[in-house]
């Protein structure tokens, strides 16, 4: 279940800034300005860390958020297309409706769509009701996609592999962040997740899809790619057949 989180006092501006930087980074990715997107999404994660200073030993002050936002706006205004990338990026809103979620899940679980990565815009900010873990996972996932996009521009094979390794690590962090939210203890919980919190399923599917892309491009541990694909197909089947009686085994859903 996704529970609302009360933000620490005085951090709403930082939180809002992190989400704004995420969305600008996503727009830059869509335009093919990969370096600018990478820098902007890095700033988004930097700011998000400062929302919860107790766990990061950082002061929560908004000392540099204005500068980071200004820099991101400038990048958007002057962004230029990098060398064409073989990886296509498609923006999905985080508050996706259930039927739209079904469509995204079907596409992410189809092998012919492997060269498309879904990046997520947050857009909506409600200081009273935040899904901090989901939003953090979105930032990490989008940052991973930015790394993967940048890997297509590098000339050195060793540098490409380092970028892909970084992308996989970020994607893994995103998946770990979502892990405890994807525990399904029965049909009622599953119905809640699919119908009331489709964003959680959306982000999980996007992360799994990105991991498959990274692993297949790097030629690394293919068993991980197979496992991620199996979990992705499982999520898609759950969503496609949700209205059918006795849909699925809830333990399998939690495993994804």
C-alpha atoms as a PDB file:
ATOM      1  CA  UNK A   1       0.000   0.000   0.000  1.00  0.00           C
ATOM      2  CA  UNK A   2       1.187   3.534  -0.743  1.00  0.00           C
ATOM      3  CA  UNK A   3       0.833   5.739   2.318  1.00  0.00           C
ATOM      4  CA  UNK A   4       0.890   9.522   2.417  1.00  0.00           C
ATOM      5  CA  UNK A   5       4.070  11.012   3.852  1.00  0.00           C
ATOM      6  CA  UNK A   6       4.202  14.240   5.813  1.00  0.00           C
ATOM      7  CA  UNK A   7       7.123  16.266   4.533  1.00  0.00           C
ATOM      8  CA  UNK A   8       9.559  17.679   7.112  1.00  0.00           C
ATOM      9  CA  UNK A   9       8.844  21.267   8.078  1.00  0.00           C
ATOM     10  CA  UNK A  10      10.170  23.823   5.624  1.00  0.00           C
ATOM     11  CA  UNK A  11      10.956  21.340   2.844  1.00  0.00           C
ATOM     12  CA  UNK A  12       7.925  21.738   0.550  1.00  0.00           C
ATOM     13  CA  UNK A  13       9.844  24.197  -1.637  1.00  0.00           C
ATOM     14  CA  UNK A  14      12.689  21.725  -2.012  1.00  0.00           C
ATOM     15  CA  UNK A  15      10.299  18.881  -2.783  1.00  0.00           C
ATOM     16  CA  UNK A  16       8.448  20.942  -5.347  1.00  0.00           C
ATOM     17  CA  UNK A  17      11.788  21.957  -6.867  1.00  0.00           C
ATOM     18  CA  UNK A  18      12.947  18.333  -7.148  1.00  0.00           C
ATOM     19  CA  UNK A  19       9.757  17.388  -8.987  1.00  0.00           C
ATOM     20  CA  UNK A  20      10.044  20.411 -11.293  1.00  0.00           C
ATOM     21  CA  UNK A  21      13.651  19.496 -12.112  1.00  0.00           C
ATOM     22  CA  UNK A  22      12.537  15.930 -12.845  1.00  0.00           C
ATOM     23  CA  UNK A  23       9.907  17.107 -15.304  1.00  0.00           C
ATOM     24  CA  UNK A  24      12.333  19.461 -17.040  1.00  0.00           C
ATOM     25  CA  UNK A  25      14.876  16.655 -17.267  1.00  0.00           C
ATOM     26  CA  UNK A  26      12.233  14.437 -18.868  1.00  0.00           C
ATOM     27  CA  UNK A  27      11.415  17.159 -21.421  1.00  0.00           C
ATOM     28  CA  UNK A  28      15.112  17.435 -22.269  1.00  0.00           C
ATOM     29  CA  UNK A  29      15.308  13.666 -22.743  1.00  0.00           C
ATOM     30  CA  UNK A  30      12.362  13.794 -25.114  1.00  0.00           C
ATOM     31  CA  UNK A  31      14.133  16.508 -27.135  1.00  0.00           C
ATOM     32  CA  UNK A  32      17.272  14.395 -27.374  1.00  0.00           C
ATOM     33  CA  UNK A  33      19.372  16.799 -25.265  1.00  0.00           C
ATOM     34  CA  UNK A  34      20.891  13.952 -23.280  1.00  0.00           C
ATOM     35  CA  UNK A  35      23.742  15.772 -21.546  1.00  0.00           C
ATOM     36  CA  UNK A  36      21.432  18.558 -20.387  1.00  0.00           C
ATOM     37  CA  UNK A  37      18.880  15.958 -19.236  1.00  0.00           C
ATOM     38  CA  UNK A  38      21.544  14.059 -17.311  1.00  0.00           C
ATOM     39  CA  UNK A  39      22.675  17.215 -15.479  1.00  0.00           C
ATOM     40  CA  UNK A  40      19.111  18.295 -14.701  1.00  0.00           C
ATOM     41  CA  UNK A  41      18.027  14.904 -13.366  1.00  0.00           C
ATOM     42  CA  UNK A  42      21.190  14.742 -11.273  1.00  0.00           C
ATOM     43  CA  UNK A  43      20.159  18.073  -9.743  1.00  0.00           C
ATOM     44  CA  UNK A  44      16.666  16.681  -9.087  1.00  0.00           C
ATOM     45  CA  UNK A  45      18.091  13.805  -7.051  1.00  0.00           C
ATOM     46  CA  UNK A  46      20.527  16.147  -5.270  1.00  0.00           C
ATOM     47  CA  UNK A  47      17.614  18.348  -4.169  1.00  0.00           C
ATOM     48  CA  UNK A  48      15.378  15.396  -3.211  1.00  0.00           C
ATOM     49  CA  UNK A  49      18.085  14.122  -0.852  1.00  0.00           C
ATOM     50  CA  UNK A  50      17.920  17.405   1.024  1.00  0.00           C
ATOM     51  CA  UNK A  51      14.218  17.011   1.717  1.00  0.00           C
ATOM     52  CA  UNK A  52      15.098  14.488   4.433  1.00  0.00           C
ATOM     53  CA  UNK A  53      18.322  15.789   6.001  1.00  0.00           C
ATOM     54  CA  UNK A  54      18.187  13.453   9.000  1.00  0.00           C
ATOM     55  CA  UNK A  55      19.099  10.490   6.809  1.00  0.00           C
ATOM     56  CA  UNK A  56      21.676  12.302   4.724  1.00  0.00           C
ATOM     57  CA  UNK A  57      23.276  14.644   7.286  1.00  0.00           C
ATOM     58  CA  UNK A  58      22.538  17.625   5.054  1.00  0.00           C
ATOM     59  CA  UNK A  59      21.020  20.981   5.836  1.00  0.00           C
ATOM     60  CA  UNK A  60      17.492  21.273   4.344  1.00  0.00           C
ATOM     61  CA  UNK A  61      17.888  24.910   3.312  1.00  0.00           C
ATOM     62  CA  UNK A  62      16.903  25.875  -0.218  1.00  0.00           C
ATOM     63  CA  UNK A  63      20.235  27.648  -0.697  1.00  0.00           C
ATOM     64  CA  UNK A  64      20.749  26.589  -4.298  1.00  0.00           C
ATOM     65  CA  UNK A  65      17.359  25.427  -5.572  1.00  0.00           C
ATOM     66  CA  UNK A  66      16.693  28.688  -7.415  1.00  0.00           C
ATOM     67  CA  UNK A  67      20.019  28.442  -9.198  1.00  0.00           C
ATOM     68  CA  UNK A  68      19.356  24.844 -10.219  1.00  0.00           C
ATOM     69  CA  UNK A  69      15.883  25.675 -11.511  1.00  0.00           C
ATOM     70  CA  UNK A  70      17.206  28.675 -13.417  1.00  0.00           C
ATOM     71  CA  UNK A  71      19.922  26.530 -14.997  1.00  0.00           C
ATOM     72  CA  UNK A  72      17.359  23.911 -16.017  1.00  0.00           C
ATOM     73  CA  UNK A  73      15.086  26.537 -17.577  1.00  0.00           C
ATOM     74  CA  UNK A  74      18.067  27.841 -19.555  1.00  0.00           C
ATOM     75  CA  UNK A  75      18.866  24.342 -20.797  1.00  0.00           C
ATOM     76  CA  UNK A  76      15.277  23.917 -21.950  1.00  0.00           C
ATOM     77  CA  UNK A  77      15.361  27.221 -23.789  1.00  0.00           C
ATOM     78  CA  UNK A  78      18.625  26.463 -25.584  1.00  0.00           C
ATOM     79  CA  UNK A  79      18.553  22.664 -25.849  1.00  0.00           C
ATOM     80  CA  UNK A  80      19.877  21.120 -29.038  1.00  0.00           C
ATOM     81  CA  UNK A  81      19.469  17.617 -30.372  1.00  0.00           C
ATOM     82  CA  UNK A  82      22.465  15.394 -29.677  1.00  0.00           C
ATOM     83  CA  UNK A  83      23.690  12.764 -32.094  1.00  0.00           C
ATOM     84  CA  UNK A  84      20.629  10.583 -32.875  1.00  0.00           C
ATOM     85  CA  UNK A  85      20.133   7.837 -30.310  1.00  0.00           C
ATOM     86  CA  UNK A  86      18.833   4.355 -31.104  1.00  0.00           C
ATOM     87  CA  UNK A  87      16.804   4.519 -27.895  1.00  0.00           C
ATOM     88  CA  UNK A  88      13.420   6.202 -28.213  1.00  0.00           C
ATOM     89  CA  UNK A  89      11.984   7.970 -25.182  1.00  0.00           C
ATOM     90  CA  UNK A  90       8.283   8.272 -24.503  1.00  0.00           C
ATOM     91  CA  UNK A  91       6.813  10.406 -21.728  1.00  0.00           C
ATOM     92  CA  UNK A  92       4.104   8.953 -19.503  1.00  0.00           C
ATOM     93  CA  UNK A  93       2.288  10.975 -16.799  1.00  0.00           C
ATOM     94  CA  UNK A  94       2.636   9.486 -13.326  1.00  0.00           C
ATOM     95  CA  UNK A  95      -1.121   9.807 -12.685  1.00  0.00           C
ATOM     96  CA  UNK A  96      -1.945   7.443 -15.534  1.00  0.00           C
ATOM     97  CA  UNK A  97      -5.490   6.065 -15.680  1.00  0.00           C
ATOM     98  CA  UNK A  98      -6.031   2.331 -15.343  1.00  0.00           C
ATOM     99  CA  UNK A  99      -6.912   1.714 -19.003  1.00  0.00           C
ATOM    100  CA  UNK A 100      -3.866   3.697 -20.133  1.00  0.00           C
ATOM    101  CA  UNK A 101      -1.763   1.651 -17.711  1.00  0.00           C
ATOM    102  CA  UNK A 102      -2.957  -1.528 -19.372  1.00  0.00           C
ATOM    103  CA  UNK A 103      -1.769  -0.197 -22.718  1.00  0.00           C
ATOM    104  CA  UNK A 104       1.660   0.767 -21.352  1.00  0.00           C
ATOM    105  CA  UNK A 105       2.099  -2.620 -19.677  1.00  0.00           C
ATOM    106  CA  UNK A 106       1.194  -4.438 -22.870  1.00  0.00           C
ATOM    107  CA  UNK A 107       3.747  -2.419 -24.827  1.00  0.00           C
ATOM    108  CA  UNK A 108       6.562  -2.784 -22.281  1.00  0.00           C
ATOM    109  CA  UNK A 109       6.090  -6.565 -22.252  1.00  0.00           C
ATOM    110  CA  UNK A 110       6.269  -6.807 -26.068  1.00  0.00           C
ATOM    111  CA  UNK A 111       9.807  -7.539 -27.354  1.00  0.00           C
ATOM    112  CA  UNK A 112       9.392  -5.353 -30.470  1.00  0.00           C
ATOM    113  CA  UNK A 113       9.098  -2.323 -28.159  1.00  0.00           C
ATOM    114  CA  UNK A 114      12.419  -2.980 -26.453  1.00  0.00           C
ATOM    115  CA  UNK A 115      14.037   0.130 -27.959  1.00  0.00           C
ATOM    116  CA  UNK A 116      11.469   2.405 -26.293  1.00  0.00           C
ATOM    117  CA  UNK A 117      11.982   3.532 -22.717  1.00  0.00           C
ATOM    118  CA  UNK A 118       9.216   5.158 -20.739  1.00  0.00           C
ATOM    119  CA  UNK A 119      10.156   8.207 -18.686  1.00  0.00           C
ATOM    120  CA  UNK A 120       7.722   9.596 -16.165  1.00  0.00           C
ATOM    121  CA  UNK A 121       6.567  13.150 -15.533  1.00  0.00           C
ATOM    122  CA  UNK A 122       5.149  13.884 -12.106  1.00  0.00           C
ATOM    123  CA  UNK A 123       3.418  17.208 -12.871  1.00  0.00           C
ATOM    124  CA  UNK A 124       1.013  17.171  -9.903  1.00  0.00           C
ATOM    125  CA  UNK A 125       2.176  18.481  -6.525  1.00  0.00           C
ATOM    126  CA  UNK A 126       0.095  18.144  -3.355  1.00  0.00           C
ATOM    127  CA  UNK A 127       2.073  19.000  -0.250  1.00  0.00           C
ATOM    128  CA  UNK A 128      -0.474  17.255   1.955  1.00  0.00           C
ATOM    129  CA  UNK A 129      -0.324  13.874   0.270  1.00  0.00           C
ATOM    130  CA  UNK A 130       3.057  12.749  -1.046  1.00  0.00           C
ATOM    131  CA  UNK A 131       4.153   9.298  -2.168  1.00  0.00           C
ATOM    132  CA  UNK A 132       7.796  10.038  -1.460  1.00  0.00           C
ATOM    133  CA  UNK A 133       9.117   6.552  -2.236  1.00  0.00           C
ATOM    134  CA  UNK A 134       7.307   6.429  -5.582  1.00  0.00           C
ATOM    135  CA  UNK A 135       8.488   9.903  -6.533  1.00  0.00           C
ATOM    136  CA  UNK A 136      12.055   9.047  -5.510  1.00  0.00           C
ATOM    137  CA  UNK A 137      11.899   5.886  -7.611  1.00  0.00           C
ATOM    138  CA  UNK A 138      10.676   7.943 -10.583  1.00  0.00           C
ATOM    139  CA  UNK A 139      13.648  10.299 -10.273  1.00  0.00           C
ATOM    140  CA  UNK A 140      16.089   7.387 -10.062  1.00  0.00           C
ATOM    141  CA  UNK A 141      14.472   5.620 -13.019  1.00  0.00           C
ATOM    142  CA  UNK A 142      14.528   8.712 -15.230  1.00  0.00           C
ATOM    143  CA  UNK A 143      18.168   9.310 -14.285  1.00  0.00           C
ATOM    144  CA  UNK A 144      18.913   5.707 -15.308  1.00  0.00           C
ATOM    145  CA  UNK A 145      17.268   6.272 -18.703  1.00  0.00           C
ATOM    146  CA  UNK A 146      19.347   9.434 -19.144  1.00  0.00           C
ATOM    147  CA  UNK A 147      22.497   7.364 -18.529  1.00  0.00           C
ATOM    148  CA  UNK A 148      21.331   4.745 -21.008  1.00  0.00           C
ATOM    149  CA  UNK A 149      20.680   7.440 -23.617  1.00  0.00           C
ATOM    150  CA  UNK A 150      24.136   8.936 -23.037  1.00  0.00           C
ATOM    151  CA  UNK A 151      25.771   5.559 -23.539  1.00  0.00           C
ATOM    152  CA  UNK A 152      24.810   5.699 -27.215  1.00  0.00           C
ATOM    153  CA  UNK A 153      26.909   8.853 -27.664  1.00  0.00           C
ATOM    154  CA  UNK A 154      30.163   7.581 -26.144  1.00  0.00           C
ATOM    155  CA  UNK A 155      32.995   6.437 -28.393  1.00  0.00           C
ATOM    156  CA  UNK A 156      34.963   4.359 -25.906  1.00  0.00           C
ATOM    157  CA  UNK A 157      33.592   0.873 -25.218  1.00  0.00           C
ATOM    158  CA  UNK A 158      34.900   0.984 -21.653  1.00  0.00           C
ATOM    159  CA  UNK A 159      33.183   4.325 -21.054  1.00  0.00           C
ATOM    160  CA  UNK A 160      29.945   2.973 -22.547  1.00  0.00           C
ATOM    161  CA  UNK A 161      30.069   0.038 -20.147  1.00  0.00           C
ATOM    162  CA  UNK A 162      30.666   2.321 -17.155  1.00  0.00           C
ATOM    163  CA  UNK A 163      27.648   4.423 -18.111  1.00  0.00           C
ATOM    164  CA  UNK A 164      25.500   1.326 -18.523  1.00  0.00           C
ATOM    165  CA  UNK A 165      26.700  -0.006 -15.179  1.00  0.00           C
ATOM    166  CA  UNK A 166      25.686   3.291 -13.604  1.00  0.00           C
ATOM    167  CA  UNK A 167      22.284   3.078 -15.302  1.00  0.00           C
ATOM    168  CA  UNK A 168      21.718  -0.419 -13.959  1.00  0.00           C
ATOM    169  CA  UNK A 169      22.723   0.606 -10.444  1.00  0.00           C
ATOM    170  CA  UNK A 170      20.301   3.534 -10.506  1.00  0.00           C
ATOM    171  CA  UNK A 171      17.558   1.300 -11.870  1.00  0.00           C
ATOM    172  CA  UNK A 172      18.252  -1.223  -9.111  1.00  0.00           C
ATOM    173  CA  UNK A 173      17.982   1.518  -6.481  1.00  0.00           C
ATOM    174  CA  UNK A 174      14.618   2.502  -7.964  1.00  0.00           C
ATOM    175  CA  UNK A 175      13.412  -1.091  -7.813  1.00  0.00           C
ATOM    176  CA  UNK A 176      14.555  -1.467  -4.212  1.00  0.00           C
ATOM    177  CA  UNK A 177      12.741   1.747  -3.302  1.00  0.00           C
ATOM    178  CA  UNK A 178       9.522   0.310  -4.736  1.00  0.00           C
ATOM    179  CA  UNK A 179      10.017  -3.164  -3.295  1.00  0.00           C
ATOM    180  CA  UNK A 180       8.237  -2.799   0.029  1.00  0.00           C
ATOM    181  CA  UNK A 181       5.307  -1.033  -1.672  1.00  0.00           C
ATOM    182  CA  UNK A 182       4.686  -3.965  -4.031  1.00  0.00           C
ATOM    183  CA  UNK A 183       3.763  -6.436  -1.314  1.00  0.00           C
ATOM    184  CA  UNK A 184       0.366  -7.899  -2.216  1.00  0.00           C
ATOM    185  CA  UNK A 185      -1.316  -9.790   0.596  1.00  0.00           C
ATOM    186  CA  UNK A 186      -4.584 -10.649  -1.107  1.00  0.00           C
ATOM    187  CA  UNK A 187      -7.109  -9.780  -3.838  1.00  0.00           C
ATOM    188  CA  UNK A 188      -8.284  -6.641  -2.031  1.00  0.00           C
ATOM    189  CA  UNK A 189      -4.768  -5.227  -1.883  1.00  0.00           C
ATOM    190  CA  UNK A 190      -4.146  -6.076  -5.525  1.00  0.00           C
ATOM    191  CA  UNK A 191      -7.389  -4.355  -6.541  1.00  0.00           C
ATOM    192  CA  UNK A 192      -6.343  -1.264  -4.611  1.00  0.00           C
ATOM    193  CA  UNK A 193      -2.930  -1.141  -6.271  1.00  0.00           C
ATOM    194  CA  UNK A 194      -4.273  -1.589  -9.786  1.00  0.00           C
ATOM    195  CA  UNK A 195      -7.277   0.683  -9.570  1.00  0.00           C
ATOM    196  CA  UNK A 196      -6.330   3.283  -6.944  1.00  0.00           C
ATOM    197  CA  UNK A 197      -2.546   3.397  -7.327  1.00  0.00           C
ATOM    198  CA  UNK A 198      -1.783   2.544 -10.967  1.00  0.00           C
ATOM    199  CA  UNK A 199       1.274   4.811 -10.671  1.00  0.00           C
ATOM    200  CA  UNK A 200       3.014   2.197  -8.525  1.00  0.00           C
ATOM    201  CA  UNK A 201       2.495  -0.481 -11.176  1.00  0.00           C
ATOM    202  CA  UNK A 202       3.493   1.977 -13.911  1.00  0.00           C
ATOM    203  CA  UNK A 203       6.809   2.892 -12.282  1.00  0.00           C
ATOM    204  CA  UNK A 204       7.608  -0.747 -11.499  1.00  0.00           C
ATOM    205  CA  UNK A 205       6.967  -1.714 -15.128  1.00  0.00           C
ATOM    206  CA  UNK A 206       9.077   1.175 -16.439  1.00  0.00           C
ATOM    207  CA  UNK A 207      11.966   0.170 -14.160  1.00  0.00           C
ATOM    208  CA  UNK A 208      11.800  -3.483 -15.213  1.00  0.00           C
ATOM    209  CA  UNK A 209      11.665  -2.488 -18.883  1.00  0.00           C
ATOM    210  CA  UNK A 210      14.719  -0.243 -18.461  1.00  0.00           C
ATOM    211  CA  UNK A 211      16.668  -3.018 -16.724  1.00  0.00           C
ATOM    212  CA  UNK A 212      15.966  -5.397 -19.589  1.00  0.00           C
ATOM    213  CA  UNK A 213      17.234  -2.787 -22.062  1.00  0.00           C
ATOM    214  CA  UNK A 214      20.436  -2.226 -20.074  1.00  0.00           C
ATOM    215  CA  UNK A 215      21.180  -5.923 -19.641  1.00  0.00           C
ATOM    216  CA  UNK A 216      20.532  -6.785 -23.270  1.00  0.00           C
ATOM    217  CA  UNK A 217      22.729  -3.946 -24.529  1.00  0.00           C
ATOM    218  CA  UNK A 218      25.581  -4.756 -22.167  1.00  0.00           C
ATOM    219  CA  UNK A 219      25.483  -8.493 -22.875  1.00  0.00           C
ATOM    220  CA  UNK A 220      25.785  -9.091 -19.141  1.00  0.00           C
ATOM    221  CA  UNK A 221      23.864 -11.409 -16.847  1.00  0.00           C
ATOM    222  CA  UNK A 222      21.106 -12.529 -19.182  1.00  0.00           C
ATOM    223  CA  UNK A 223      19.342 -14.469 -16.453  1.00  0.00           C
ATOM    224  CA  UNK A 224      18.568 -11.115 -14.834  1.00  0.00           C
ATOM    225  CA  UNK A 225      17.044  -9.857 -18.071  1.00  0.00           C
ATOM    226  CA  UNK A 226      14.940 -13.015 -18.349  1.00  0.00           C
ATOM    227  CA  UNK A 227      13.766 -12.663 -14.745  1.00  0.00           C
ATOM    228  CA  UNK A 228      12.874  -8.995 -15.214  1.00  0.00           C
ATOM    229  CA  UNK A 229      11.003  -9.844 -18.403  1.00  0.00           C
ATOM    230  CA  UNK A 230       9.059 -12.607 -16.658  1.00  0.00           C
ATOM    231  CA  UNK A 231       8.058 -10.187 -13.904  1.00  0.00           C
ATOM    232  CA  UNK A 232       7.058  -7.578 -16.488  1.00  0.00           C
ATOM    233  CA  UNK A 233       4.902 -10.068 -18.389  1.00  0.00           C
ATOM    234  CA  UNK A 234       3.314 -11.090 -15.093  1.00  0.00           C
ATOM    235  CA  UNK A 235       2.359  -7.498 -14.285  1.00  0.00           C
ATOM    236  CA  UNK A 236       0.943  -7.067 -17.789  1.00  0.00           C
ATOM    237  CA  UNK A 237      -1.133 -10.250 -17.512  1.00  0.00           C
ATOM    238  CA  UNK A 238      -2.465  -9.176 -14.133  1.00  0.00           C
ATOM    239  CA  UNK A 239      -3.604  -5.828 -15.519  1.00  0.00           C
ATOM    240  CA  UNK A 240      -5.001  -7.217 -18.790  1.00  0.00           C
ATOM    241  CA  UNK A 241      -7.073  -9.867 -17.016  1.00  0.00           C
ATOM    242  CA  UNK A 242      -7.933  -8.013 -13.844  1.00  0.00           C
ATOM    243  CA  UNK A 243     -11.686  -8.044 -14.442  1.00  0.00           C
ATOM    244  CA  UNK A 244     -11.729 -11.837 -14.766  1.00  0.00           C
ATOM    245  CA  UNK A 245     -12.565 -13.922 -11.661  1.00  0.00           C
ATOM    246  CA  UNK A 246      -9.745 -15.603  -9.745  1.00  0.00           C
ATOM    247  CA  UNK A 247      -7.229 -13.640 -11.738  1.00  0.00           C
ATOM    248  CA  UNK A 248      -3.847 -14.521 -10.326  1.00  0.00           C
ATOM    249  CA  UNK A 249      -1.724 -15.783  -7.534  1.00  0.00           C
ATOM    250  CA  UNK A 250      -1.026 -12.759  -5.307  1.00  0.00           C
ATOM    251  CA  UNK A 251       2.360 -14.142  -4.259  1.00  0.00           C
ATOM    252  CA  UNK A 252       3.488 -14.014  -7.877  1.00  0.00           C
ATOM    253  CA  UNK A 253       2.395 -10.386  -8.074  1.00  0.00           C
ATOM    254  CA  UNK A 254       4.440  -9.541  -4.997  1.00  0.00           C
ATOM    255  CA  UNK A 255       7.492 -11.248  -6.478  1.00  0.00           C
ATOM    256  CA  UNK A 256       7.541  -8.740  -9.336  1.00  0.00           C
END
